[in-house]
mmCIF file of all heavy atoms, coordinates in Angstrom:
data_MODEL
# 
_entry.id   MODEL 
# 
loop_
_atom_site.group_PDB 
_atom_site.id 
_atom_site.type_symbol 
_atom_site.label_atom_id 
_atom_site.label_alt_id 
_atom_site.label_comp_id 
_atom_site.label_asym_id 
_atom_site.label_entity_id 
_atom_site.label_seq_id 
_atom_site.pdbx_PDB_ins_code 
_atom_site.Cartn_x 
_atom_site.Cartn_y 
_atom_site.Cartn_z 
_atom_site.occupancy 
_atom_site.B_iso_or_equiv 
_atom_site.pdbx_formal_charge 
_atom_site.auth_seq_id 
_atom_site.auth_comp_id 
_atom_site.auth_asym_id 
_atom_site.auth_atom_id 
_atom_site.pdbx_PDB_model_num 
ATOM 1   N N   . ASN A 1 1  ? 0.816   -1.219 0.000   1.00 0.00 ? 1  ASN A N   1 
ATOM 2   C CA  . ASN A 1 1  ? 0.000   0.000  0.000   1.00 0.00 ? 1  ASN A CA  1 
ATOM 3   C C   . ASN A 1 1  ? 0.847   1.265  0.000   1.00 0.00 ? 1  ASN A C   1 
ATOM 4   O O   . ASN A 1 1  ? 0.502   2.256  -0.648  1.00 0.00 ? 1  ASN A O   1 
ATOM 5   C CB  . ASN A 1 1  ? -0.938  0.004  1.209   1.00 0.00 ? 1  ASN A CB  1 
ATOM 6   C CG  . ASN A 1 1  ? -2.075  -0.998 1.045   1.00 0.00 ? 1  ASN A CG  1 
ATOM 7   O OD1 . ASN A 1 1  ? -2.376  -1.426 -0.062  1.00 0.00 ? 1  ASN A OD1 1 
ATOM 8   N ND2 . ASN A 1 1  ? -2.694  -1.378 2.151   1.00 0.00 ? 1  ASN A ND2 1 
ATOM 9   N N   . VAL A 1 2  ? 1.963   1.253  0.728   1.00 0.00 ? 2  VAL A N   1 
ATOM 10  C CA  . VAL A 1 2  ? 2.824   2.437  0.764   1.00 0.00 ? 2  VAL A CA  1 
ATOM 11  C C   . VAL A 1 2  ? 3.449   2.678  -0.607  1.00 0.00 ? 2  VAL A C   1 
ATOM 12  O O   . VAL A 1 2  ? 3.501   3.816  -1.085  1.00 0.00 ? 2  VAL A O   1 
ATOM 13  C CB  . VAL A 1 2  ? 3.910   2.292  1.847   1.00 0.00 ? 2  VAL A CB  1 
ATOM 14  C CG1 . VAL A 1 2  ? 4.931   3.428  1.747   1.00 0.00 ? 2  VAL A CG1 1 
ATOM 15  C CG2 . VAL A 1 2  ? 3.284   2.279  3.236   1.00 0.00 ? 2  VAL A CG2 1 
ATOM 16  N N   . ALA A 1 3  ? 3.899   1.614  -1.250  1.00 0.00 ? 3  ALA A N   1 
ATOM 17  C CA  . ALA A 1 3  ? 4.520   1.752  -2.565  1.00 0.00 ? 3  ALA A CA  1 
ATOM 18  C C   . ALA A 1 3  ? 3.548   2.341  -3.576  1.00 0.00 ? 3  ALA A C   1 
ATOM 19  O O   . ALA A 1 3  ? 3.887   3.267  -4.328  1.00 0.00 ? 3  ALA A O   1 
ATOM 20  C CB  . ALA A 1 3  ? 5.026   0.392  -3.043  1.00 0.00 ? 3  ALA A CB  1 
ATOM 21  N N   . ILE A 1 4  ? 2.328   1.839  -3.602  1.00 0.00 ? 4  ILE A N   1 
ATOM 22  C CA  . ILE A 1 4  ? 1.365   2.348  -4.580  1.00 0.00 ? 4  ILE A CA  1 
ATOM 23  C C   . ILE A 1 4  ? 0.923   3.767  -4.218  1.00 0.00 ? 4  ILE A C   1 
ATOM 24  O O   . ILE A 1 4  ? 0.602   4.570  -5.103  1.00 0.00 ? 4  ILE A O   1 
ATOM 25  C CB  . ILE A 1 4  ? 0.163   1.388  -4.740  1.00 0.00 ? 4  ILE A CB  1 
ATOM 26  C CG1 . ILE A 1 4  ? -0.521  1.629  -6.102  1.00 0.00 ? 4  ILE A CG1 1 
ATOM 27  C CG2 . ILE A 1 4  ? -0.807  1.486  -3.587  1.00 0.00 ? 4  ILE A CG2 1 
ATOM 28  C CD1 . ILE A 1 4  ? -1.525  0.565  -6.486  1.00 0.00 ? 4  ILE A CD1 1 
ATOM 29  N N   . ASP A 1 5  ? 0.950   4.096  -2.912  1.00 0.00 ? 5  ASP A N   1 
ATOM 30  C CA  . ASP A 1 5  ? 0.678   5.484  -2.507  1.00 0.00 ? 5  ASP A CA  1 
ATOM 31  C C   . ASP A 1 5  ? 1.721   6.422  -3.101  1.00 0.00 ? 5  ASP A C   1 
ATOM 32  O O   . ASP A 1 5  ? 1.389   7.475  -3.655  1.00 0.00 ? 5  ASP A O   1 
ATOM 33  C CB  . ASP A 1 5  ? 0.719   5.615  -0.974  1.00 0.00 ? 5  ASP A CB  1 
ATOM 34  C CG  . ASP A 1 5  ? -0.532  5.072  -0.289  1.00 0.00 ? 5  ASP A CG  1 
ATOM 35  O OD1 . ASP A 1 5  ? -1.523  4.786  -0.991  1.00 0.00 ? 5  ASP A OD1 1 
ATOM 36  O OD2 . ASP A 1 5  ? -0.504  4.934  0.946   1.00 0.00 ? 5  ASP A OD2 1 
ATOM 37  N N   . VAL A 1 6  ? 2.992   6.054  -2.965  1.00 0.00 ? 6  VAL A N   1 
ATOM 38  C CA  . VAL A 1 6  ? 4.086   6.887  -3.481  1.00 0.00 ? 6  VAL A CA  1 
ATOM 39  C C   . VAL A 1 6  ? 3.945   7.061  -4.991  1.00 0.00 ? 6  VAL A C   1 
ATOM 40  O O   . VAL A 1 6  ? 4.054   8.179  -5.529  1.00 0.00 ? 6  VAL A O   1 
ATOM 41  C CB  . VAL A 1 6  ? 5.451   6.279  -3.122  1.00 0.00 ? 6  VAL A CB  1 
ATOM 42  C CG1 . VAL A 1 6  ? 6.577   6.976  -3.876  1.00 0.00 ? 6  VAL A CG1 1 
ATOM 43  C CG2 . VAL A 1 6  ? 5.689   6.359  -1.619  1.00 0.00 ? 6  VAL A CG2 1 
ATOM 44  N N   . ALA A 1 7  ? 3.686   5.954  -5.694  1.00 0.00 ? 7  ALA A N   1 
ATOM 45  C CA  . ALA A 1 7  ? 3.540   6.025  -7.148  1.00 0.00 ? 7  ALA A CA  1 
ATOM 46  C C   . ALA A 1 7  ? 2.374   6.924  -7.535  1.00 0.00 ? 7  ALA A C   1 
ATOM 47  O O   . ALA A 1 7  ? 2.473   7.724  -8.475  1.00 0.00 ? 7  ALA A O   1 
ATOM 48  C CB  . ALA A 1 7  ? 3.340   4.617  -7.710  1.00 0.00 ? 7  ALA A CB  1 
ATOM 49  N N   . ARG A 1 8  ? 1.282   6.799  -6.817  1.00 0.00 ? 8  ARG A N   1 
ATOM 50  C CA  . ARG A 1 8  ? 0.085   7.589  -7.140  1.00 0.00 ? 8  ARG A CA  1 
ATOM 51  C C   . ARG A 1 8  ? 0.311   9.076  -6.882  1.00 0.00 ? 8  ARG A C   1 
ATOM 52  O O   . ARG A 1 8  ? -0.070  9.925  -7.707  1.00 0.00 ? 8  ARG A O   1 
ATOM 53  C CB  . ARG A 1 8  ? -1.098  7.080  -6.315  1.00 0.00 ? 8  ARG A CB  1 
ATOM 54  C CG  . ARG A 1 8  ? -2.452  7.595  -6.761  1.00 0.00 ? 8  ARG A CG  1 
ATOM 55  C CD  . ARG A 1 8  ? -3.572  7.061  -5.896  1.00 0.00 ? 8  ARG A CD  1 
ATOM 56  N NE  . ARG A 1 8  ? -3.458  7.480  -4.512  1.00 0.00 ? 8  ARG A NE  1 
ATOM 57  C CZ  . ARG A 1 8  ? -3.082  6.690  -3.510  1.00 0.00 ? 8  ARG A CZ  1 
ATOM 58  N NH1 . ARG A 1 8  ? -2.775  5.424  -3.733  1.00 0.00 ? 8  ARG A NH1 1 
ATOM 59  N NH2 . ARG A 1 8  ? -2.995  7.155  -2.267  1.00 0.00 ? 8  ARG A NH2 1 
ATOM 60  N N   . ILE A 1 9  ? 0.935   9.410  -5.767  1.00 0.00 ? 9  ILE A N   1 
ATOM 61  C CA  . ILE A 1 9  ? 1.202   10.821 -5.449  1.00 0.00 ? 9  ILE A CA  1 
ATOM 62  C C   . ILE A 1 9  ? 2.113   11.436 -6.506  1.00 0.00 ? 9  ILE A C   1 
ATOM 63  O O   . ILE A 1 9  ? 1.928   12.590 -6.918  1.00 0.00 ? 9  ILE A O   1 
ATOM 64  C CB  . ILE A 1 9  ? 1.817   10.962 -4.046  1.00 0.00 ? 9  ILE A CB  1 
ATOM 65  C CG1 . ILE A 1 9  ? 0.804   10.554 -2.970  1.00 0.00 ? 9  ILE A CG1 1 
ATOM 66  C CG2 . ILE A 1 9  ? 2.299   12.395 -3.805  1.00 0.00 ? 9  ILE A CG2 1 
ATOM 67  C CD1 . ILE A 1 9  ? -0.466  11.385 -2.929  1.00 0.00 ? 9  ILE A CD1 1 
ATOM 68  N N   . LEU A 1 10 ? 3.084   10.676 -6.991  1.00 0.00 ? 10 LEU A N   1 
ATOM 69  C CA  . LEU A 1 10 ? 3.981   11.176 -8.045  1.00 0.00 ? 10 LEU A CA  1 
ATOM 70  C C   . LEU A 1 10 ? 3.230   11.427 -9.346  1.00 0.00 ? 10 LEU A C   1 
ATOM 71  O O   . LEU A 1 10 ? 3.661   12.239 -10.169 1.00 0.00 ? 10 LEU A O   1 
ATOM 72  C CB  . LEU A 1 10 ? 5.106   10.168 -8.295  1.00 0.00 ? 10 LEU A CB  1 
ATOM 73  C CG  . LEU A 1 10 ? 6.195   10.087 -7.228  1.00 0.00 ? 10 LEU A CG  1 
ATOM 74  C CD1 . LEU A 1 10 ? 7.080   8.869  -7.456  1.00 0.00 ? 10 LEU A CD1 1 
ATOM 75  C CD2 . LEU A 1 10 ? 7.044   11.357 -7.202  1.00 0.00 ? 10 LEU A CD2 1 
ATOM 76  N N   . CYS A 1 11 ? 2.109   10.739 -9.542  1.00 0.00 ? 11 CYS A N   1 
ATOM 77  C CA  . CYS A 1 11 ? 1.346   10.863 -10.791 1.00 0.00 ? 11 CYS A CA  1 
ATOM 78  C C   . CYS A 1 11 ? 0.185   11.854 -10.694 1.00 0.00 ? 11 CYS A C   1 
ATOM 79  O O   . CYS A 1 11 ? -0.441  12.179 -11.716 1.00 0.00 ? 11 CYS A O   1 
ATOM 80  C CB  . CYS A 1 11 ? 0.799   9.500  -11.197 1.00 0.00 ? 11 CYS A CB  1 
ATOM 81  S SG  . CYS A 1 11 ? 2.057   8.322  -11.744 1.00 0.00 ? 11 CYS A SG  1 
ATOM 82  N N   . ARG A 1 12 ? -0.139  12.321 -9.525  1.00 0.00 ? 12 ARG A N   1 
ATOM 83  C CA  . ARG A 1 12 ? -1.275  13.210 -9.346  1.00 0.00 ? 12 ARG A CA  1 
ATOM 84  C C   . ARG A 1 12 ? -1.001  14.609 -9.915  1.00 0.00 ? 12 ARG A C   1 
ATOM 85  O O   . ARG A 1 12 ? 0.139   15.076 -9.941  1.00 0.00 ? 12 ARG A O   1 
ATOM 86  C CB  . ARG A 1 12 ? -1.616  13.363 -7.855  1.00 0.00 ? 12 ARG A CB  1 
ATOM 87  C CG  . ARG A 1 12 ? -2.229  12.128 -7.197  1.00 0.00 ? 12 ARG A CG  1 
ATOM 88  C CD  . ARG A 1 12 ? -3.629  11.894 -7.659  1.00 0.00 ? 12 ARG A CD  1 
ATOM 89  N NE  . ARG A 1 12 ? -4.356  10.973 -6.783  1.00 0.00 ? 12 ARG A NE  1 
ATOM 90  C CZ  . ARG A 1 12 ? -5.492  10.379 -7.112  1.00 0.00 ? 12 ARG A CZ  1 
ATOM 91  N NH1 . ARG A 1 12 ? -6.036  10.601 -8.297  1.00 0.00 ? 12 ARG A NH1 1 
ATOM 92  N NH2 . ARG A 1 12 ? -6.091  9.562  -6.273  1.00 0.00 ? 12 ARG A NH2 1 
ATOM 93  N N   . THR A 1 13 ? -2.068  15.297 -10.309 1.00 0.00 ? 13 THR A N   1 
ATOM 94  C CA  . THR A 1 13 ? -1.971  16.689 -10.746 1.00 0.00 ? 13 THR A CA  1 
ATOM 95  C C   . THR A 1 13 ? -2.044  17.610 -9.543  1.00 0.00 ? 13 THR A C   1 
ATOM 96  O O   . THR A 1 13 ? -2.461  17.203 -8.444  1.00 0.00 ? 13 THR A O   1 
ATOM 97  C CB  . THR A 1 13 ? -3.112  17.047 -11.705 1.00 0.00 ? 13 THR A CB  1 
ATOM 98  O OG1 . THR A 1 13 ? -4.356  16.957 -10.977 1.00 0.00 ? 13 THR A OG1 1 
ATOM 99  C CG2 . THR A 1 13 ? -3.157  16.101 -12.901 1.00 0.00 ? 13 THR A CG2 1 
ATOM 100 N N   . ARG A 1 14 ? -1.706  18.861 -9.766  1.00 0.00 ? 14 ARG A N   1 
ATOM 101 C CA  . ARG A 1 14 ? -1.835  19.847 -8.684  1.00 0.00 ? 14 ARG A CA  1 
ATOM 102 C C   . ARG A 1 14 ? -3.280  19.943 -8.216  1.00 0.00 ? 14 ARG A C   1 
ATOM 103 O O   . ARG A 1 14 ? -3.552  20.011 -7.015  1.00 0.00 ? 14 ARG A O   1 
ATOM 104 C CB  . ARG A 1 14 ? -1.343  21.218 -9.142  1.00 0.00 ? 14 ARG A CB  1 
ATOM 105 C CG  . ARG A 1 14 ? -1.463  22.262 -8.034  1.00 0.00 ? 14 ARG A CG  1 
ATOM 106 C CD  . ARG A 1 14 ? -1.179  23.685 -8.478  1.00 0.00 ? 14 ARG A CD  1 
ATOM 107 N NE  . ARG A 1 14 ? -1.464  24.600 -7.375  1.00 0.00 ? 14 ARG A NE  1 
ATOM 108 C CZ  . ARG A 1 14 ? -0.582  24.987 -6.466  1.00 0.00 ? 14 ARG A CZ  1 
ATOM 109 N NH1 . ARG A 1 14 ? 0.651   24.535 -6.519  1.00 0.00 ? 14 ARG A NH1 1 
ATOM 110 N NH2 . ARG A 1 14 ? -0.924  25.821 -5.507  1.00 0.00 ? 14 ARG A NH2 1 
ATOM 111 N N   . ASP A 1 15 ? -4.226  19.957 -9.154  1.00 0.00 ? 15 ASP A N   1 
ATOM 112 C CA  . ASP A 1 15 ? -5.638  20.073 -8.782  1.00 0.00 ? 15 ASP A CA  1 
ATOM 113 C C   . ASP A 1 15 ? -6.080  18.914 -7.897  1.00 0.00 ? 15 ASP A C   1 
ATOM 114 O O   . ASP A 1 15 ? -6.848  19.115 -6.948  1.00 0.00 ? 15 ASP A O   1 
ATOM 115 C CB  . ASP A 1 15 ? -6.512  20.135 -10.032 1.00 0.00 ? 15 ASP A CB  1 
ATOM 116 C CG  . ASP A 1 15 ? -6.403  21.469 -10.754 1.00 0.00 ? 15 ASP A CG  1 
ATOM 117 O OD1 . ASP A 1 15 ? -5.863  22.423 -10.159 1.00 0.00 ? 15 ASP A OD1 1 
ATOM 118 O OD2 . ASP A 1 15 ? -6.852  21.549 -11.917 1.00 0.00 ? 15 ASP A OD2 1 
ATOM 119 N N   . GLU A 1 16 ? -5.601  17.724 -8.212  1.00 0.00 ? 16 GLU A N   1 
ATOM 120 C CA  . GLU A 1 16 ? -5.965  16.567 -7.381  1.00 0.00 ? 16 GLU A CA  1 
ATOM 121 C C   . GLU A 1 16 ? -5.372  16.688 -5.984  1.00 0.00 ? 16 GLU A C   1 
ATOM 122 O O   . GLU A 1 16 ? -6.036  16.424 -4.986  1.00 0.00 ? 16 GLU A O   1 
ATOM 123 C CB  . GLU A 1 16 ? -5.477  15.276 -8.053  1.00 0.00 ? 16 GLU A CB  1 
ATOM 124 C CG  . GLU A 1 16 ? -6.268  14.870 -9.281  1.00 0.00 ? 16 GLU A CG  1 
ATOM 125 C CD  . GLU A 1 16 ? -5.642  13.692 -10.006 1.00 0.00 ? 16 GLU A CD  1 
ATOM 126 O OE1 . GLU A 1 16 ? -4.464  13.801 -10.421 1.00 0.00 ? 16 GLU A OE1 1 
ATOM 127 O OE2 . GLU A 1 16 ? -6.335  12.673 -10.157 1.00 0.00 ? 16 GLU A OE2 1 
ATOM 128 N N   . LEU A 1 17 ? -4.104  17.102 -5.901  1.00 0.00 ? 17 LEU A N   1 
ATOM 129 C CA  . LEU A 1 17 ? -3.420  17.209 -4.614  1.00 0.00 ? 17 LEU A CA  1 
ATOM 130 C C   . LEU A 1 17 ? -3.924  18.387 -3.787  1.00 0.00 ? 17 LEU A C   1 
ATOM 131 O O   . LEU A 1 17 ? -3.924  18.341 -2.552  1.00 0.00 ? 17 LEU A O   1 
ATOM 132 C CB  . LEU A 1 17 ? -1.912  17.322 -4.826  1.00 0.00 ? 17 LEU A CB  1 
ATOM 133 C CG  . LEU A 1 17 ? -1.221  16.088 -5.423  1.00 0.00 ? 17 LEU A CG  1 
ATOM 134 C CD1 . LEU A 1 17 ? 0.242   16.392 -5.723  1.00 0.00 ? 17 LEU A CD1 1 
ATOM 135 C CD2 . LEU A 1 17 ? -1.333  14.899 -4.481  1.00 0.00 ? 17 LEU A CD2 1 
ATOM 136 N N   . ALA A 1 18 ? -4.343  19.455 -4.463  1.00 0.00 ? 18 ALA A N   1 
ATOM 137 C CA  . ALA A 1 18 ? -4.780  20.665 -3.760  1.00 0.00 ? 18 ALA A CA  1 
ATOM 138 C C   . ALA A 1 18 ? -6.075  20.455 -2.984  1.00 0.00 ? 18 ALA A C   1 
ATOM 139 O O   . ALA A 1 18 ? -6.444  21.291 -2.160  1.00 0.00 ? 18 ALA A O   1 
ATOM 140 C CB  . ALA A 1 18 ? -4.945  21.817 -4.744  1.00 0.00 ? 18 ALA A CB  1 
ATOM 141 N N   . LYS A 1 19 ? -6.756  19.356 -3.223  1.00 0.00 ? 19 LYS A N   1 
ATOM 142 C CA  . LYS A 1 19 ? -7.986  19.043 -2.492  1.00 0.00 ? 19 LYS A CA  1 
ATOM 143 C C   . LYS A 1 19 ? -7.698  18.262 -1.215  1.00 0.00 ? 19 LYS A C   1 
ATOM 144 O O   . LYS A 1 19 ? -8.624  17.890 -0.501  1.00 0.00 ? 19 LYS A O   1 
ATOM 145 C CB  . LYS A 1 19 ? -8.926  18.214 -3.381  1.00 0.00 ? 19 LYS A CB  1 
ATOM 146 C CG  . LYS A 1 19 ? -9.359  18.919 -4.667  1.00 0.00 ? 19 LYS A CG  1 
ATOM 147 C CD  . LYS A 1 19 ? -10.130 17.962 -5.561  1.00 0.00 ? 19 LYS A CD  1 
ATOM 148 C CE  . LYS A 1 19 ? -10.486 18.623 -6.890  1.00 0.00 ? 19 LYS A CE  1 
ATOM 149 N NZ  . LYS A 1 19 ? -11.135 17.653 -7.830  1.00 0.00 ? 19 LYS A NZ  1 
ATOM 150 N N   . THR A 1 20 ? -6.430  18.000 -0.940  1.00 0.00 ? 20 THR A N   1 
ATOM 151 C CA  . THR A 1 20 ? -6.036  17.152 0.183   1.00 0.00 ? 20 THR A CA  1 
ATOM 152 C C   . THR A 1 20 ? -5.321  17.959 1.263   1.00 0.00 ? 20 THR A C   1 
ATOM 153 O O   . THR A 1 20 ? -5.106  19.169 1.126   1.00 0.00 ? 20 THR A O   1 
ATOM 154 C CB  . THR A 1 20 ? -5.090  16.036 -0.298  1.00 0.00 ? 20 THR A CB  1 
ATOM 155 O OG1 . THR A 1 20 ? -3.783  16.594 -0.541  1.00 0.00 ? 20 THR A OG1 1 
ATOM 156 C CG2 . THR A 1 20 ? -5.602  15.383 -1.583  1.00 0.00 ? 20 THR A CG2 1 
ATOM 157 N N   . ASP A 1 21 ? -4.900  17.262 2.315   1.00 0.00 ? 21 ASP A N   1 
ATOM 158 C CA  . ASP A 1 21 ? -4.144  17.921 3.386   1.00 0.00 ? 21 ASP A CA  1 
ATOM 159 C C   . ASP A 1 21 ? -2.640  17.701 3.228   1.00 0.00 ? 21 ASP A C   1 
ATOM 160 O O   . ASP A 1 21 ? -1.890  17.776 4.200   1.00 0.00 ? 21 ASP A O   1 
ATOM 161 C CB  . ASP A 1 21 ? -4.608  17.436 4.764   1.00 0.00 ? 21 ASP A CB  1 
ATOM 162 C CG  . ASP A 1 21 ? -4.271  15.970 5.020   1.00 0.00 ? 21 ASP A CG  1 
ATOM 163 O OD1 . ASP A 1 21 ? -3.811  15.276 4.086   1.00 0.00 ? 21 ASP A OD1 1 
ATOM 164 O OD2 . ASP A 1 21 ? -4.473  15.505 6.161   1.00 0.00 ? 21 ASP A OD2 1 
ATOM 165 N N   . ILE A 1 22 ? -2.190  17.445 1.998   1.00 0.00 ? 22 ILE A N   1 
ATOM 166 C CA  . ILE A 1 22 ? -0.759  17.305 1.750   1.00 0.00 ? 22 ILE A CA  1 
ATOM 167 C C   . ILE A 1 22 ? -0.031  18.560 2.242   1.00 0.00 ? 22 ILE A C   1 
ATOM 168 O O   . ILE A 1 22 ? -0.582  19.666 2.222   1.00 0.00 ? 22 ILE A O   1 
ATOM 169 C CB  . ILE A 1 22 ? -0.496  17.076 0.235   1.00 0.00 ? 22 ILE A CB  1 
ATOM 170 C CG1 . ILE A 1 22 ? 0.954   16.638 -0.011  1.00 0.00 ? 22 ILE A CG1 1 
ATOM 171 C CG2 . ILE A 1 22 ? -0.824  18.315 -0.588  1.00 0.00 ? 22 ILE A CG2 1 
ATOM 172 C CD1 . ILE A 1 22 ? 1.204   16.136 -1.417  1.00 0.00 ? 22 ILE A CD1 1 
ATOM 173 N N   . ALA A 1 23 ? 1.197   18.386 2.727   1.00 0.00 ? 23 ALA A N   1 
ATOM 174 C CA  . ALA A 1 23 ? 1.965   19.530 3.216   1.00 0.00 ? 23 ALA A CA  1 
ATOM 175 C C   . ALA A 1 23 ? 2.075   20.597 2.131   1.00 0.00 ? 23 ALA A C   1 
ATOM 176 O O   . ALA A 1 23 ? 2.257   20.277 0.957   1.00 0.00 ? 23 ALA A O   1 
ATOM 177 C CB  . ALA A 1 23 ? 3.359   19.067 3.645   1.00 0.00 ? 23 ALA A CB  1 
ATOM 178 N N   . ASP A 1 24 ? 1.941   21.855 2.521   1.00 0.00 ? 24 ASP A N   1 
ATOM 179 C CA  . ASP A 1 24 ? 1.910   22.934 1.531   1.00 0.00 ? 24 ASP A CA  1 
ATOM 180 C C   . ASP A 1 24 ? 3.189   22.997 0.703   1.00 0.00 ? 24 ASP A C   1 
ATOM 181 O O   . ASP A 1 24 ? 3.151   23.221 -0.510  1.00 0.00 ? 24 ASP A O   1 
ATOM 182 C CB  . ASP A 1 24 ? 1.609   24.284 2.192   1.00 0.00 ? 24 ASP A CB  1 
ATOM 183 C CG  . ASP A 1 24 ? 2.485   24.574 3.395   1.00 0.00 ? 24 ASP A CG  1 
ATOM 184 O OD1 . ASP A 1 24 ? 3.355   23.745 3.731   1.00 0.00 ? 24 ASP A OD1 1 
ATOM 185 O OD2 . ASP A 1 24 ? 2.295   25.648 4.013   1.00 0.00 ? 24 ASP A OD2 1 
# 
């Protein structure tokens, strides 16, 4: 699960990430 999380975050767009609580 951690590996696929890392891969997915690397592939996400800014718009997708901006809807989350990812560190600014």
